[in-house]
Every structure is written in C-alpha cells, then in structure tokens.
C-alpha atoms as a PDB file:
ATOM      1  CA  UNK A   1     -22.735 -10.557  -9.148  1.00  0.00           C
ATOM      2  CA  UNK A   2     -23.649 -12.538 -12.277  1.00  0.00           C
ATOM      3  CA  UNK A   3     -27.250 -13.546 -12.758  1.00  0.00           C
ATOM      4  CA  UNK A   4     -27.874 -16.611 -14.880  1.00  0.00           C
ATOM      5  CA  UNK A   5     -30.363 -16.599 -17.770  1.00  0.00           C
ATOM      6  CA  UNK A   6     -32.723 -18.858 -15.798  1.00  0.00           C
ATOM      7  CA  UNK A   7     -32.842 -16.108 -13.181  1.00  0.00           C
ATOM      8  CA  UNK A   8     -33.605 -13.160 -15.455  1.00  0.00           C
ATOM      9  CA  UNK A   9     -34.223  -9.747 -13.977  1.00  0.00           C
ATOM     10  CA  UNK A  10     -37.896  -8.741 -13.820  1.00  0.00           C
ATOM     11  CA  UNK A  11     -37.376  -5.397 -12.044  1.00  0.00           C
ATOM     12  CA  UNK A  12     -34.305  -3.274 -11.358  1.00  0.00           C
ATOM     13  CA  UNK A  13     -34.063   0.092  -9.587  1.00  0.00           C
ATOM     14  CA  UNK A  14     -31.953   2.314  -7.380  1.00  0.00           C
ATOM     15  CA  UNK A  15     -32.829   5.276  -5.145  1.00  0.00           C
ATOM     16  CA  UNK A  16     -33.961   8.386  -7.006  1.00  0.00           C
ATOM     17  CA  UNK A  17     -31.082  10.864  -7.463  1.00  0.00           C
ATOM     18  CA  UNK A  18     -33.063  13.756  -5.953  1.00  0.00           C
ATOM     19  CA  UNK A  19     -33.695  11.617  -2.886  1.00  0.00           C
ATOM     20  CA  UNK A  20     -29.994  11.169  -2.193  1.00  0.00           C
ATOM     21  CA  UNK A  21     -29.782  14.755  -0.913  1.00  0.00           C
ATOM     22  CA  UNK A  22     -32.681  14.150   1.470  1.00  0.00           C
ATOM     23  CA  UNK A  23     -31.190  10.890   2.769  1.00  0.00           C
ATOM     24  CA  UNK A  24     -27.800  12.564   3.331  1.00  0.00           C
ATOM     25  CA  UNK A  25     -29.366  15.472   5.231  1.00  0.00           C
ATOM     26  CA  UNK A  26     -31.461  13.041   7.295  1.00  0.00           C
ATOM     27  CA  UNK A  27     -28.343  11.134   8.404  1.00  0.00           C
ATOM     28  CA  UNK A  28     -26.500  14.354   9.282  1.00  0.00           C
ATOM     29  CA  UNK A  29     -29.458  15.557  11.370  1.00  0.00           C
ATOM     30  CA  UNK A  30     -29.504  12.214  13.200  1.00  0.00           C
ATOM     31  CA  UNK A  31     -25.769  12.512  13.812  1.00  0.00           C
ATOM     32  CA  UNK A  32     -26.194  16.025  15.218  1.00  0.00           C
ATOM     33  CA  UNK A  33     -29.046  14.818  17.401  1.00  0.00           C
ATOM     34  CA  UNK A  34     -26.879  12.057  18.888  1.00  0.00           C
ATOM     35  CA  UNK A  35     -23.899  14.368  19.378  1.00  0.00           C
ATOM     36  CA  UNK A  36     -25.945  17.148  21.000  1.00  0.00           C
ATOM     37  CA  UNK A  37     -27.905  14.677  23.098  1.00  0.00           C
ATOM     38  CA  UNK A  38     -24.623  13.052  24.116  1.00  0.00           C
ATOM     39  CA  UNK A  39     -23.191  16.461  25.007  1.00  0.00           C
ATOM     40  CA  UNK A  40     -26.234  17.322  27.094  1.00  0.00           C
ATOM     41  CA  UNK A  41     -26.228  13.997  28.913  1.00  0.00           C
ATOM     42  CA  UNK A  42     -22.619  12.851  29.234  1.00  0.00           C
ATOM     43  CA  UNK A  43     -20.700  16.048  30.053  1.00  0.00           C
ATOM     44  CA  UNK A  44     -23.229  17.426  32.570  1.00  0.00           C
ATOM     45  CA  UNK A  45     -23.619  13.964  34.119  1.00  0.00           C
ATOM     46  CA  UNK A  46     -19.876  13.942  34.765  1.00  0.00           C
ATOM     47  CA  UNK A  47     -20.202  17.399  36.350  1.00  0.00           C
ATOM     48  CA  UNK A  48     -23.133  16.268  38.474  1.00  0.00           C
ATOM     49  CA  UNK A  49     -21.240  13.228  39.760  1.00  0.00           C
ATOM     50  CA  UNK A  50     -18.113  15.222  40.505  1.00  0.00           C
ATOM     51  CA  UNK A  51     -19.717  18.221  42.185  1.00  0.00           C
ATOM     52  CA  UNK A  52     -23.471  17.980  42.554  1.00  0.00           C
ATOM     53  CA  UNK A  53     -26.342  19.931  41.013  1.00  0.00           C
ATOM     54  CA  UNK A  54     -24.457  23.245  40.589  1.00  0.00           C
ATOM     55  CA  UNK A  55     -21.611  21.506  38.752  1.00  0.00           C
ATOM     56  CA  UNK A  56     -24.155  19.994  36.367  1.00  0.00           C
ATOM     57  CA  UNK A  57     -25.103  23.424  35.013  1.00  0.00           C
ATOM     58  CA  UNK A  58     -21.512  24.657  35.077  1.00  0.00           C
ATOM     59  CA  UNK A  59     -20.428  21.679  32.986  1.00  0.00           C
ATOM     60  CA  UNK A  60     -23.329  22.193  30.589  1.00  0.00           C
ATOM     61  CA  UNK A  61     -22.602  25.903  30.043  1.00  0.00           C
ATOM     62  CA  UNK A  62     -18.834  25.391  29.828  1.00  0.00           C
ATOM     63  CA  UNK A  63     -19.376  22.802  27.095  1.00  0.00           C
ATOM     64  CA  UNK A  64     -20.656  25.539  24.805  1.00  0.00           C
ATOM     65  CA  UNK A  65     -19.031  28.691  26.148  1.00  0.00           C
ATOM     66  CA  UNK A  66     -15.420  27.543  26.656  1.00  0.00           C
ATOM     67  CA  UNK A  67     -15.168  25.274  23.613  1.00  0.00           C
ATOM     68  CA  UNK A  68     -18.117  26.439  21.516  1.00  0.00           C
ATOM     69  CA  UNK A  69     -16.070  27.439  18.466  1.00  0.00           C
ATOM     70  CA  UNK A  70     -14.040  24.218  18.399  1.00  0.00           C
ATOM     71  CA  UNK A  71     -17.127  22.091  18.949  1.00  0.00           C
ATOM     72  CA  UNK A  72     -19.056  23.878  16.173  1.00  0.00           C
ATOM     73  CA  UNK A  73     -16.230  23.441  13.663  1.00  0.00           C
ATOM     74  CA  UNK A  74     -15.869  19.785  14.662  1.00  0.00           C
ATOM     75  CA  UNK A  75     -19.618  19.203  14.249  1.00  0.00           C
ATOM     76  CA  UNK A  76     -19.548  20.926  10.867  1.00  0.00           C
ATOM     77  CA  UNK A  77     -16.589  18.893   9.582  1.00  0.00           C
ATOM     78  CA  UNK A  78     -18.049  15.620  10.826  1.00  0.00           C
ATOM     79  CA  UNK A  79     -21.412  16.534   9.268  1.00  0.00           C
ATOM     80  CA  UNK A  80     -19.837  17.278   5.891  1.00  0.00           C
ATOM     81  CA  UNK A  81     -17.907  14.007   5.925  1.00  0.00           C
ATOM     82  CA  UNK A  82     -21.021  12.003   6.914  1.00  0.00           C
ATOM     83  CA  UNK A  83     -23.138  13.791   4.295  1.00  0.00           C
ATOM     84  CA  UNK A  84     -20.650  13.046   1.498  1.00  0.00           C
ATOM     85  CA  UNK A  85     -20.255   9.412   2.578  1.00  0.00           C
ATOM     86  CA  UNK A  86     -24.023   8.804   2.833  1.00  0.00           C
ATOM     87  CA  UNK A  87     -24.640  10.496  -0.527  1.00  0.00           C
ATOM     88  CA  UNK A  88     -22.127   8.238  -2.262  1.00  0.00           C
ATOM     89  CA  UNK A  89     -23.266   5.185  -0.300  1.00  0.00           C
ATOM     90  CA  UNK A  90     -26.858   5.531  -1.505  1.00  0.00           C
ATOM     91  CA  UNK A  91     -25.639   5.820  -5.098  1.00  0.00           C
ATOM     92  CA  UNK A  92     -24.227   2.301  -4.841  1.00  0.00           C
ATOM     93  CA  UNK A  93     -27.613   0.818  -3.870  1.00  0.00           C
ATOM     94  CA  UNK A  94     -29.092  -1.498  -6.480  1.00  0.00           C
ATOM     95  CA  UNK A  95     -32.425  -3.286  -6.116  1.00  0.00           C
ATOM     96  CA  UNK A  96     -33.379  -6.257  -8.297  1.00  0.00           C
ATOM     97  CA  UNK A  97     -36.222  -8.711  -8.504  1.00  0.00           C
ATOM     98  CA  UNK A  98     -35.589 -11.842 -10.522  1.00  0.00           C
ATOM     99  CA  UNK A  99     -37.772 -14.875 -11.278  1.00  0.00           C
ATOM    100  CA  UNK A 100     -36.546 -16.620  -8.126  1.00  0.00           C
ATOM    101  CA  UNK A 101     -35.348 -14.009  -5.624  1.00  0.00           C
ATOM    102  CA  UNK A 102     -35.022 -10.429  -4.418  1.00  0.00           C
ATOM    103  CA  UNK A 103     -31.545  -8.880  -4.376  1.00  0.00           C
ATOM    104  CA  UNK A 104     -30.117  -5.806  -2.633  1.00  0.00           C
ATOM    105  CA  UNK A 105     -26.562  -4.759  -3.439  1.00  0.00           C
ATOM    106  CA  UNK A 106     -24.578  -1.767  -2.195  1.00  0.00           C
ATOM    107  CA  UNK A 107     -21.742  -0.397  -0.122  1.00  0.00           C
ATOM    108  CA  UNK A 108     -18.546   1.615  -0.291  1.00  0.00           C
ATOM    109  CA  UNK A 109     -16.242   0.413   2.459  1.00  0.00           C
ATOM    110  CA  UNK A 110     -18.017  -2.919   2.799  1.00  0.00           C
ATOM    111  CA  UNK A 111     -20.033  -4.243  -0.104  1.00  0.00           C
ATOM    112  CA  UNK A 112     -23.214  -5.998   0.975  1.00  0.00           C
ATOM    113  CA  UNK A 113     -25.316  -8.346  -1.129  1.00  0.00           C
ATOM    114  CA  UNK A 114     -28.576  -9.626   0.347  1.00  0.00           C
ATOM    115  CA  UNK A 115     -30.523 -12.273  -1.470  1.00  0.00           C
ATOM    116  CA  UNK A 116     -33.973 -13.527  -0.445  1.00  0.00           C
ATOM    117  CA  UNK A 117     -35.822 -16.333  -2.161  1.00  0.00           C
ATOM    118  CA  UNK A 118     -39.557 -15.794  -2.616  1.00  0.00           C
ATOM    119  CA  UNK A 119     -40.504 -18.784  -0.463  1.00  0.00           C
ATOM    120  CA  UNK A 120     -38.953 -17.034   2.551  1.00  0.00           C
ATOM    121  CA  UNK A 121     -40.830 -13.722   2.137  1.00  0.00           C
ATOM    122  CA  UNK A 122     -43.601 -13.263   4.707  1.00  0.00           C
ATOM    123  CA  UNK A 123     -44.567  -9.620   4.233  1.00  0.00           C
ATOM    124  CA  UNK A 124     -44.077  -6.772   1.753  1.00  0.00           C
ATOM    125  CA  UNK A 125     -44.961  -3.293   3.091  1.00  0.00           C
ATOM    126  CA  UNK A 126     -44.729   0.218   1.698  1.00  0.00           C
ATOM    127  CA  UNK A 127     -44.034   3.061   4.153  1.00  0.00           C
ATOM    128  CA  UNK A 128     -43.677   6.835   3.857  1.00  0.00           C
ATOM    129  CA  UNK A 129     -42.779   9.366   6.510  1.00  0.00           C
ATOM    130  CA  UNK A 130     -43.859  12.992   6.148  1.00  0.00           C
ATOM    131  CA  UNK A 131     -40.689  14.054   4.295  1.00  0.00           C
ATOM    132  CA  UNK A 132     -40.928  11.119   1.921  1.00  0.00           C
ATOM    133  CA  UNK A 133     -44.529  12.116   1.170  1.00  0.00           C
ATOM    134  CA  UNK A 134     -43.409  15.647   0.297  1.00  0.00           C
ATOM    135  CA  UNK A 135     -40.736  14.232  -2.041  1.00  0.00           C
ATOM    136  CA  UNK A 136     -43.110  11.670  -3.544  1.00  0.00           C
ATOM    137  CA  UNK A 137     -40.969   8.674  -2.586  1.00  0.00           C
ATOM    138  CA  UNK A 138     -41.430   5.636  -0.385  1.00  0.00           C
ATOM    139  CA  UNK A 139     -39.724   2.585   1.077  1.00  0.00           C
ATOM    140  CA  UNK A 140     -40.503  -1.021   0.279  1.00  0.00           C
ATOM    141  CA  UNK A 141     -39.909  -3.317   3.290  1.00  0.00           C
ATOM    142  CA  UNK A 142     -39.420  -7.006   2.529  1.00  0.00           C
ATOM    143  CA  UNK A 143     -39.716  -9.184   5.616  1.00  0.00           C
ATOM    144  CA  UNK A 144     -38.912 -12.823   6.216  1.00  0.00           C
ATOM    145  CA  UNK A 145     -39.819 -15.138   9.070  1.00  0.00           C
ATOM    146  CA  UNK A 146     -36.220 -14.994  10.293  1.00  0.00           C
ATOM    147  CA  UNK A 147     -36.202 -11.223  10.846  1.00  0.00           C
ATOM    148  CA  UNK A 148     -39.150 -11.178  13.243  1.00  0.00           C
ATOM    149  CA  UNK A 149     -41.081  -8.178  14.455  1.00  0.00           C
ATOM    150  CA  UNK A 150     -41.100  -5.061  12.290  1.00  0.00           C
ATOM    151  CA  UNK A 151     -37.555  -5.446  11.002  1.00  0.00           C
ATOM    152  CA  UNK A 152     -37.205  -5.881   7.268  1.00  0.00           C
ATOM    153  CA  UNK A 153     -34.600  -8.141   5.714  1.00  0.00           C
ATOM    154  CA  UNK A 154     -34.321  -5.820   2.703  1.00  0.00           C
ATOM    155  CA  UNK A 155     -35.483  -2.216   2.324  1.00  0.00           C
ATOM    156  CA  UNK A 156     -35.761  -0.575  -1.077  1.00  0.00           C
ATOM    157  CA  UNK A 157     -35.343   3.114  -0.163  1.00  0.00           C
ATOM    158  CA  UNK A 158     -36.112   6.179  -2.249  1.00  0.00           C
ATOM    159  CA  UNK A 159     -38.506   4.650  -4.774  1.00  0.00           C
ATOM    160  CA  UNK A 160     -40.855   6.895  -6.763  1.00  0.00           C
ATOM    161  CA  UNK A 161     -43.089   3.895  -7.482  1.00  0.00           C
ATOM    162  CA  UNK A 162     -42.940   1.265  -4.741  1.00  0.00           C
ATOM    163  CA  UNK A 163     -46.236  -0.330  -5.752  1.00  0.00           C
ATOM    164  CA  UNK A 164     -44.790  -1.871  -8.932  1.00  0.00           C
ATOM    165  CA  UNK A 165     -42.059  -3.910  -7.201  1.00  0.00           C
ATOM    166  CA  UNK A 166     -44.531  -4.809  -4.438  1.00  0.00           C
ATOM    167  CA  UNK A 167     -46.988  -6.196  -7.009  1.00  0.00           C
ATOM    168  CA  UNK A 168     -44.181  -8.074  -8.777  1.00  0.00           C
ATOM    169  CA  UNK A 169     -43.002  -9.657  -5.523  1.00  0.00           C
ATOM    170  CA  UNK A 170     -46.521 -10.640  -4.471  1.00  0.00           C
ATOM    171  CA  UNK A 171     -47.142 -12.080  -7.952  1.00  0.00           C
ATOM    172  CA  UNK A 172     -43.917 -14.111  -7.821  1.00  0.00           C
ATOM    173  CA  UNK A 173     -44.820 -15.392  -4.335  1.00  0.00           C
ATOM    174  CA  UNK A 174     -48.241 -16.403  -5.617  1.00  0.00           C
ATOM    175  CA  UNK A 175     -46.658 -18.255  -8.552  1.00  0.00           C
ATOM    176  CA  UNK A 176     -44.260 -19.996  -6.185  1.00  0.00           C
ATOM    177  CA  UNK A 177     -47.105 -21.050  -3.876  1.00  0.00           C
ATOM    178  CA  UNK A 178     -49.155 -22.388  -6.818  1.00  0.00           C
ATOM    179  CA  UNK A 179     -46.169 -24.496  -7.902  1.00  0.00           C
ATOM    180  CA  UNK A 180     -45.962 -25.945  -4.387  1.00  0.00           C
ATOM    181  CA  UNK A 181     -49.594 -27.086  -4.375  1.00  0.00           C
ATOM    182  CA  UNK A 182     -49.307 -28.952  -7.711  1.00  0.00           C
END
C-alpha cells in the first residue's frame, strides 16, 4: 500500500518479536482447549445417545485408551503447525497512524488491510491480561461506531508502549474535531 505525502506516517509499529512466541503458544493452548473440550463433549454425547449413561463413560475412556497414542500425535502435529503459522502471521502485522487515518496490515494466506479515518473513531482503549502484564506488553483497541459493543475495529497487539499511539490518535481526533468547528 502506497501512502501519499499528504498522508505522512506519524507512527509505525509491529508486535514485539519476543511477544510472537507468547501469541503462538496462546493460540495453541486455545486450540487444545477446543479439541479436548470437543472430545469430552462430542464423543461421549454420541455414546450417551446410543447407549445411555454407561456408554457415555465407555466412550469417554475409549477416546483416550484405544486411540490415545494416535490422538496425542495428531494433537502435537496440529499444534506445531498452528504455532508456526501464528508465529509467521504475527510477523506480517504492521500498524500505522498517519495524519488522516489508522491502518492495520497483515496476513499470510489472505492479506488484510483495515483503514479507519479519525472521524469514525469513537474509543481508544488499552488492555492487558495477566500474561501481557508479565511480558510488559499491551493491546490498543480502536473502536468505531459501526463495530458496536466491545468489539474493536482494529487491535494493535503486542505493543511495549501502547500509550504513545493512543495519545497520537486522541490528538489527531482532537485536531479533526477542531477543524470541524471552524
């Protein structure tokens, strides 16, 4: 994406390299959670429907005893593939703030470019979960009226200093609003 001189870049960043490992592990843990939860709910549910309460436990135990080795290797391979993909995906993330808009760019299989003009921004929040606090990083959530609720239109993940882009965005919004009242 080419940015014209009239739209010069004020701030540019990407996720911290050390954070990429954390984000990859987080996605793999979520994947395992969904797979294990699915295994505990779907397979035993099928056993319960087909043979009652006793079949529920038989199906649950057979899931891990009869096929435990194959399932573990499958989980491991899927986890490695997801971890590698997520690690490379996060490396493609680019965050920019220009004089007129906020831009997110990234993707491997499908490149995504999100562009928000300052007049559409309604809220700019910084969040940190407990792991992000330990790593000294945070997320910057940029919301518009069209997203509604707590969903952010753009999220700058893995920032060591999220306050700087937040201040820049709020300053640019203030400048835009002053120009409107003239």
